[in-house]
Amino acid sequence: MEVVAIAEPDARWRWEIRHGGAVVQRSDDQFDTAHDAIQDGKRRLLTLWTGEDRPPSHRRLQGRQSHRSG
């Protein structure tokens, strides 16, 4: 996963979160600097992986990886 800053025609910035080159999410807000856009995007990325709005293809079943019978 990566967060990238995208320049808008009016010299403002947005962020996009990408996985394998595909856009997973993009900001609705615009920012004055690329740095501000990336920082906000990083915060959003954290909520994707710690919250319920993780992409469904990356959710893992928990508790089945190390259980063995017997």
PDB file of N, CA and C in Angstrom:
ATOM      1  N   MET A   1       0.852  -1.160   0.000  1.00  0.00           N
ATOM      2  CA  MET A   1       0.000   0.000   0.000  1.00  0.00           C
ATOM      3  C   MET A   1       0.901   1.226   0.000  1.00  0.00           C
ATOM      4  N   GLU A   2       0.434   2.254  -0.690  1.00  0.00           N
ATOM      5  CA  GLU A   2       1.183   3.509  -0.722  1.00  0.00           C
ATOM      6  C   GLU A   2       0.224   4.678  -0.729  1.00  0.00           C
ATOM      7  N   VAL A   3       0.689   5.793  -0.202  1.00  0.00           N
ATOM      8  CA  VAL A   3      -0.061   7.048  -0.235  1.00  0.00           C
ATOM      9  C   VAL A   3       0.691   7.976  -1.168  1.00  0.00           C
ATOM     10  N   VAL A   4      -0.015   8.538  -2.154  1.00  0.00           N
ATOM     11  CA  VAL A   4       0.610   9.474  -3.088  1.00  0.00           C
ATOM     12  C   VAL A   4      -0.168  10.781  -3.091  1.00  0.00           C
ATOM     13  N   ALA A   5       0.546  11.874  -3.359  1.00  0.00           N
ATOM     14  CA  ALA A   5      -0.077  13.190  -3.490  1.00  0.00           C
ATOM     15  C   ALA A   5      -0.330  13.455  -4.965  1.00  0.00           C
ATOM     16  N   ILE A   6      -1.508  13.957  -5.272  1.00  0.00           N
ATOM     17  CA  ILE A   6      -1.911  14.251  -6.647  1.00  0.00           C
ATOM     18  C   ILE A   6      -2.130  15.756  -6.772  1.00  0.00           C
ATOM     19  N   ALA A   7      -1.439  16.383  -7.710  1.00  0.00           N
ATOM     20  CA  ALA A   7      -1.592  17.827  -7.924  1.00  0.00           C
ATOM     21  C   ALA A   7      -2.893  18.108  -8.664  1.00  0.00           C
ATOM     22  N   GLU A   8      -3.622  19.091  -8.192  1.00  0.00           N
ATOM     23  CA  GLU A   8      -4.843  19.554  -8.843  1.00  0.00           C
ATOM     24  C   GLU A   8      -4.516  20.773  -9.700  1.00  0.00           C
ATOM     25  N   PRO A   9      -5.323  21.058 -10.714  1.00  0.00           N
ATOM     26  CA  PRO A   9      -5.041  22.194 -11.601  1.00  0.00           C
ATOM     27  C   PRO A   9      -4.955  23.547 -10.881  1.00  0.00           C
ATOM     28  N   ASP A  10      -5.644  23.687  -9.758  1.00  0.00           N
ATOM     29  CA  ASP A  10      -5.632  24.969  -9.037  1.00  0.00           C
ATOM     30  C   ASP A  10      -4.507  25.048  -7.999  1.00  0.00           C
ATOM     31  N   ALA A  11      -3.457  24.234  -8.172  1.00  0.00           N
ATOM     32  CA  ALA A  11      -2.269  24.232  -7.304  1.00  0.00           C
ATOM     33  C   ALA A  11      -2.572  23.738  -5.899  1.00  0.00           C
ATOM     34  N   ARG A  12      -3.613  22.951  -5.747  1.00  0.00           N
ATOM     35  CA  ARG A  12      -3.919  22.303  -4.466  1.00  0.00           C
ATOM     36  C   ARG A  12      -3.623  20.818  -4.626  1.00  0.00           C
ATOM     37  N   TRP A  13      -3.696  20.075  -3.524  1.00  0.00           N
ATOM     38  CA  TRP A  13      -3.296  18.673  -3.532  1.00  0.00           C
ATOM     39  C   TRP A  13      -4.368  17.780  -2.933  1.00  0.00           C
ATOM     40  N   ARG A  14      -4.435  16.558  -3.416  1.00  0.00           N
ATOM     41  CA  ARG A  14      -5.265  15.498  -2.849  1.00  0.00           C
ATOM     42  C   ARG A  14      -4.366  14.296  -2.620  1.00  0.00           C
ATOM     43  N   TRP A  15      -4.847  13.328  -1.850  1.00  0.00           N
ATOM     44  CA  TRP A  15      -4.090  12.086  -1.697  1.00  0.00           C
ATOM     45  C   TRP A  15      -4.860  10.938  -2.309  1.00  0.00           C
ATOM     46  N   GLU A  16      -4.130   9.903  -2.665  1.00  0.00           N
ATOM     47  CA  GLU A  16      -4.709   8.636  -3.092  1.00  0.00           C
ATOM     48  C   GLU A  16      -3.978   7.525  -2.358  1.00  0.00           C
ATOM     49  N   ILE A  17      -4.729   6.521  -1.939  1.00  0.00           N
ATOM     50  CA  ILE A  17      -4.143   5.308  -1.394  1.00  0.00           C
ATOM     51  C   ILE A  17      -4.225   4.274  -2.499  1.00  0.00           C
ATOM     52  N   ARG A  18      -3.078   3.678  -2.826  1.00  0.00           N
ATOM     53  CA  ARG A  18      -3.009   2.705  -3.918  1.00  0.00           C
ATOM     54  C   ARG A  18      -2.447   1.387  -3.413  1.00  0.00           C
ATOM     55  N   HIS A  19      -2.907   0.331  -4.048  1.00  0.00           N
ATOM     56  CA  HIS A  19      -2.395  -1.005  -3.770  1.00  0.00           C
ATOM     57  C   HIS A  19      -2.164  -1.688  -5.104  1.00  0.00           C
ATOM     58  N   GLY A  20      -0.919  -2.016  -5.390  1.00  0.00           N
ATOM     59  CA  GLY A  20      -0.587  -2.628  -6.666  1.00  0.00           C
ATOM     60  C   GLY A  20      -0.905  -1.720  -7.839  1.00  0.00           C
ATOM     61  N   GLY A  21      -0.826  -0.423  -7.627  1.00  0.00           N
ATOM     62  CA  GLY A  21      -1.096   0.549  -8.675  1.00  0.00           C
ATOM     63  C   GLY A  21      -2.559   0.949  -8.808  1.00  0.00           C
ATOM     64  N   ALA A  22      -3.453   0.174  -8.217  1.00  0.00           N
ATOM     65  CA  ALA A  22      -4.890   0.482  -8.290  1.00  0.00           C
ATOM     66  C   ALA A  22      -5.283   1.400  -7.132  1.00  0.00           C
ATOM     67  N   VAL A  23      -6.132   2.383  -7.420  1.00  0.00           N
ATOM     68  CA  VAL A  23      -6.595   3.309  -6.393  1.00  0.00           C
ATOM     69  C   VAL A  23      -7.597   2.596  -5.488  1.00  0.00           C
ATOM     70  N   VAL A  24      -7.292   2.581  -4.191  1.00  0.00           N
ATOM     71  CA  VAL A  24      -8.174   1.999  -3.186  1.00  0.00           C
ATOM     72  C   VAL A  24      -9.114   3.071  -2.648  1.00  0.00           C
ATOM     73  N   GLN A  25      -8.558   4.270  -2.428  1.00  0.00           N
ATOM     74  CA  GLN A  25      -9.350   5.380  -1.902  1.00  0.00           C
ATOM     75  C   GLN A  25      -8.668   6.684  -2.266  1.00  0.00           C
ATOM     76  N   ARG A  26      -9.466   7.757  -2.445  1.00  0.00           N
ATOM     77  CA  ARG A  26      -8.881   9.085  -2.686  1.00  0.00           C
ATOM     78  C   ARG A  26      -9.621  10.106  -1.839  1.00  0.00           C
ATOM     79  N   SER A  27      -8.923  11.182  -1.556  1.00  0.00           N
ATOM     80  CA  SER A  27      -9.491  12.202  -0.671  1.00  0.00           C
ATOM     81  C   SER A  27     -10.521  13.055  -1.405  1.00  0.00           C
ATOM     82  N   ASP A  28     -11.503  13.502  -0.636  1.00  0.00           N
ATOM     83  CA  ASP A  28     -12.446  14.505  -1.134  1.00  0.00           C
ATOM     84  C   ASP A  28     -11.911  15.900  -0.835  1.00  0.00           C
ATOM     85  N   ASP A  29     -11.122  16.004   0.236  1.00  0.00           N
ATOM     86  CA  ASP A  29     -10.559  17.288   0.655  1.00  0.00           C
ATOM     87  C   ASP A  29      -9.351  17.645  -0.199  1.00  0.00           C
ATOM     88  N   GLN A  30      -9.074  18.940  -0.275  1.00  0.00           N
ATOM     89  CA  GLN A  30      -7.877  19.436  -0.946  1.00  0.00           C
ATOM     90  C   GLN A  30      -6.972  20.096   0.086  1.00  0.00           C
ATOM     91  N   PHE A  31      -5.664  20.051  -0.162  1.00  0.00           N
ATOM     92  CA  PHE A  31      -4.673  20.538   0.787  1.00  0.00           C
ATOM     93  C   PHE A  31      -3.755  21.544   0.111  1.00  0.00           C
ATOM     94  N   ASP A  32      -3.169  22.426   0.921  1.00  0.00           N
ATOM     95  CA  ASP A  32      -2.286  23.470   0.390  1.00  0.00           C
ATOM     96  C   ASP A  32      -0.949  22.924  -0.086  1.00  0.00           C
ATOM     97  N   THR A  33      -0.455  21.860   0.583  1.00  0.00           N
ATOM     98  CA  THR A  33       0.851  21.311   0.216  1.00  0.00           C
ATOM     99  C   THR A  33       0.761  19.806   0.021  1.00  0.00           C
ATOM    100  N   ALA A  34       1.717  19.263  -0.735  1.00  0.00           N
ATOM    101  CA  ALA A  34       1.797  17.813  -0.928  1.00  0.00           C
ATOM    102  C   ALA A  34       2.038  17.126   0.412  1.00  0.00           C
ATOM    103  N   HIS A  35       2.873  17.736   1.259  1.00  0.00           N
ATOM    104  CA  HIS A  35       3.162  17.175   2.577  1.00  0.00           C
ATOM    105  C   HIS A  35       1.888  17.012   3.403  1.00  0.00           C
ATOM    106  N   ASP A  36       1.046  18.045   3.430  1.00  0.00           N
ATOM    107  CA  ASP A  36      -0.210  17.969   4.185  1.00  0.00           C
ATOM    108  C   ASP A  36      -1.115  16.874   3.632  1.00  0.00           C
ATOM    109  N   ALA A  37      -1.170  16.757   2.315  1.00  0.00           N
ATOM    110  CA  ALA A  37      -2.010  15.727   1.691  1.00  0.00           C
ATOM    111  C   ALA A  37      -1.513  14.333   2.076  1.00  0.00           C
ATOM    112  N   ILE A  38      -0.215  14.120   2.012  1.00  0.00           N
ATOM    113  CA  ILE A  38       0.339  12.802   2.333  1.00  0.00           C
ATOM    114  C   ILE A  38       0.143  12.469   3.806  1.00  0.00           C
ATOM    115  N   GLN A  39       0.327  13.430   4.689  1.00  0.00           N
ATOM    116  CA  GLN A  39       0.122  13.179   6.122  1.00  0.00           C
ATOM    117  C   GLN A  39      -1.323  12.769   6.398  1.00  0.00           C
ATOM    118  N   ASP A  40      -2.280  13.457   5.788  1.00  0.00           N
ATOM    119  CA  ASP A  40      -3.678  13.104   5.973  1.00  0.00           C
ATOM    120  C   ASP A  40      -3.960  11.722   5.373  1.00  0.00           C
ATOM    121  N   GLY A  41      -3.381  11.441   4.217  1.00  0.00           N
ATOM    122  CA  GLY A  41      -3.546  10.131   3.595  1.00  0.00           C
ATOM    123  C   GLY A  41      -2.973   9.009   4.453  1.00  0.00           C
ATOM    124  N   LYS A  42      -1.850   9.254   5.107  1.00  0.00           N
ATOM    125  CA  LYS A  42      -1.261   8.248   5.998  1.00  0.00           C
ATOM    126  C   LYS A  42      -2.183   7.960   7.177  1.00  0.00           C
ATOM    127  N   ARG A  43      -2.810   9.008   7.711  1.00  0.00           N
ATOM    128  CA  ARG A  43      -3.760   8.804   8.812  1.00  0.00           C
ATOM    129  C   ARG A  43      -4.941   7.964   8.332  1.00  0.00           C
ATOM    130  N   ARG A  44      -5.399   8.231   7.128  1.00  0.00           N
ATOM    131  CA  ARG A  44      -6.526   7.465   6.576  1.00  0.00           C
ATOM    132  C   ARG A  44      -6.120   6.018   6.309  1.00  0.00           C
ATOM    133  N   LEU A  45      -4.904   5.811   5.825  1.00  0.00           N
ATOM    134  CA  LEU A  45      -4.404   4.457   5.597  1.00  0.00           C
ATOM    135  C   LEU A  45      -4.401   3.665   6.899  1.00  0.00           C
ATOM    136  N   LEU A  46      -3.992   4.291   7.980  1.00  0.00           N
ATOM    137  CA  LEU A  46      -3.989   3.624   9.278  1.00  0.00           C
ATOM    138  C   LEU A  46      -5.390   3.171   9.656  1.00  0.00           C
ATOM    139  N   THR A  47      -6.398   4.003   9.417  1.00  0.00           N
ATOM    140  CA  THR A  47      -7.769   3.596   9.755  1.00  0.00           C
ATOM    141  C   THR A  47      -8.271   2.485   8.845  1.00  0.00           C
ATOM    142  N   LEU A  48      -7.767   2.428   7.619  1.00  0.00           N
ATOM    143  CA  LEU A  48      -8.161   1.319   6.745  1.00  0.00           C
ATOM    144  C   LEU A  48      -7.713  -0.015   7.327  1.00  0.00           C
ATOM    145  N   TRP A  49      -6.509  -0.054   7.891  1.00  0.00           N
ATOM    146  CA  TRP A  49      -5.941  -1.318   8.364  1.00  0.00           C
ATOM    147  C   TRP A  49      -6.268  -1.629   9.805  1.00  0.00           C
ATOM    148  N   THR A  50      -6.738  -0.666  10.568  1.00  0.00           N
ATOM    149  CA  THR A  50      -7.084  -0.935  11.959  1.00  0.00           C
ATOM    150  C   THR A  50      -8.581  -0.876  12.199  1.00  0.00           C
ATOM    151  N   GLY A  51      -9.325  -0.356  11.246  1.00  0.00           N
ATOM    152  CA  GLY A  51     -10.771  -0.228  11.389  1.00  0.00           C
ATOM    153  C   GLY A  51     -11.526  -1.235  10.550  1.00  0.00           C
ATOM    154  N   GLU A  52     -12.818  -1.090  10.529  1.00  0.00           N
ATOM    155  CA  GLU A  52     -13.662  -2.018   9.788  1.00  0.00           C
ATOM    156  C   GLU A  52     -13.692  -1.725   8.300  1.00  0.00           C
ATOM    157  N   ASP A  53     -13.177  -0.589   7.871  1.00  0.00           N
ATOM    158  CA  ASP A  53     -13.252  -0.268   6.455  1.00  0.00           C
ATOM    159  C   ASP A  53     -12.013  -0.701   5.691  1.00  0.00           C
ATOM    160  N   ARG A  54     -11.374  -1.794   6.157  1.00  0.00           N
ATOM    161  CA  ARG A  54     -10.292  -2.384   5.384  1.00  0.00           C
ATOM    162  C   ARG A  54     -10.865  -2.968   4.098  1.00  0.00           C
ATOM    163  N   PRO A  55     -10.096  -2.961   3.024  1.00  0.00           N
ATOM    164  CA  PRO A  55     -10.585  -3.610   1.802  1.00  0.00           C
ATOM    165  C   PRO A  55     -10.878  -5.081   2.070  1.00  0.00           C
ATOM    166  N   PRO A  56     -12.051  -5.600   1.667  1.00  0.00           N
ATOM    167  CA  PRO A  56     -12.434  -6.985   1.967  1.00  0.00           C
ATOM    168  C   PRO A  56     -11.419  -8.015   1.483  1.00  0.00           C
ATOM    169  N   SER A  57     -10.718  -7.760   0.400  1.00  0.00           N
ATOM    170  CA  SER A  57      -9.774  -8.732  -0.130  1.00  0.00           C
ATOM    171  C   SER A  57      -8.556  -8.911   0.771  1.00  0.00           C
ATOM    172  N   HIS A  58      -8.388  -8.038   1.759  1.00  0.00           N
ATOM    173  CA  HIS A  58      -7.217  -8.128   2.623  1.00  0.00           C
ATOM    174  C   HIS A  58      -7.553  -8.543   4.045  1.00  0.00           C
ATOM    175  N   ARG A  59      -8.819  -8.816   4.307  1.00  0.00           N
ATOM    176  CA  ARG A  59      -9.176  -9.301   5.632  1.00  0.00           C
ATOM    177  C   ARG A  59      -8.760 -10.756   5.733  1.00  0.00           C
ATOM    178  N   ARG A  60      -8.255 -11.140   6.879  1.00  0.00           N
ATOM    179  CA  ARG A  60      -7.826 -12.515   7.073  1.00  0.00           C
ATOM    180  C   ARG A  60      -8.659 -13.166   8.160  1.00  0.00           C
ATOM    181  N   LEU A  61      -8.912 -14.424   7.987  1.00  0.00           N
ATOM    182  CA  LEU A  61      -9.568 -15.168   9.052  1.00  0.00           C
ATOM    183  C   LEU A  61      -8.587 -15.302  10.201  1.00  0.00           C
ATOM    184  N   GLN A  62      -9.040 -14.984  11.373  1.00  0.00           N
ATOM    185  CA  GLN A  62      -8.159 -15.016  12.527  1.00  0.00           C
ATOM    186  C   GLN A  62      -8.374 -16.320  13.289  1.00  0.00           C
ATOM    187  N   GLY A  63      -7.304 -16.818  13.882  1.00  0.00           N
ATOM    188  CA  GLY A  63      -7.430 -17.962  14.768  1.00  0.00           C
ATOM    189  C   GLY A  63      -7.295 -19.309  14.093  1.00  0.00           C
ATOM    190  N   ARG A  64      -7.100 -19.391  12.800  1.00  0.00           N
ATOM    191  CA  ARG A  64      -6.983 -20.673  12.128  1.00  0.00           C
ATOM    192  C   ARG A  64      -5.569 -20.973  11.675  1.00  0.00           C
ATOM    193  N   GLN A  65      -4.658 -20.045  11.799  1.00  0.00           N
ATOM    194  CA  GLN A  65      -3.324 -20.225  11.235  1.00  0.00           C
ATOM    195  C   GLN A  65      -2.464 -21.169  12.064  1.00  0.00           C
ATOM    196  N   SER A  66      -2.564 -21.156  13.390  1.00  0.00           N
ATOM    197  CA  SER A  66      -1.621 -21.929  14.192  1.00  0.00           C
ATOM    198  C   SER A  66      -2.285 -23.038  15.011  1.00  0.00           C
ATOM    199  N   HIS A  67      -3.556 -23.324  14.770  1.00  0.00           N
ATOM    200  CA  HIS A  67      -4.236 -24.368  15.526  1.00  0.00           C
ATOM    201  C   HIS A  67      -3.982 -25.731  14.895  1.00  0.00           C
ATOM    202  N   ARG A  68      -3.554 -26.660  15.739  1.00  0.00           N
ATOM    203  CA  ARG A  68      -3.367 -28.042  15.284  1.00  0.00           C
ATOM    204  C   ARG A  68      -4.071 -28.957  16.269  1.00  0.00           C
ATOM    205  N   SER A  69      -4.628 -30.003  15.741  1.00  0.00           N
ATOM    206  CA  SER A  69      -5.283 -30.944  16.653  1.00  0.00           C
ATOM    207  C   SER A  69      -4.247 -31.887  17.241  1.00  0.00           C
ATOM    208  N   GLY A  70      -4.420 -32.213  18.504  1.00  0.00           N
ATOM    209  CA  GLY A  70      -3.704 -33.117  19.100  1.00  0.00           C
ATOM    210  C   GLY A  70      -2.636 -33.553  19.745  1.00  0.00           C
TER     211      GLY A  70
END
